Amino acid sequence: MKFLVESDRREAWLPPYRLTLYADDRTGLLPNEVFGVLEVLPDFRMTAMELAFDFAQEQMNRKFVREHALFGKSRPVASKGDTDYWGTRRGSKRVQSYLKQI
């Protein structure tokens, strides 16, 4: 796991810093890693969360996801290149599906 702390605000209304946690491809984010970082931030507020699910290519492909995936009320929007999207940028939920190159 690695994490990134950004402290240079682009706009005055943004919070003083931003924390991003990056999961290990093999193990993901383990609870003790997340809580270890958050325990030094007593007044944190979560504003966005991104979840990633990795599948073996033999099990899941782009066509299968387009035909079978359900993401609540989010509807498919125009694909860009090799990425498919559901929901809008301004909505509370946005899903993207793509083949991860290892």
Foldseek 3Di string as FASTA:
>chain_A
DDKDKAQDDPDPPDDRIDMDDDADPVPGDDPVNVVVVCVVVVDDDDDDDDDDDDDDCVVDDPVRCVVDPDDDPWAWDDADDQKTWTHDPPDPDIDIDGDDDD
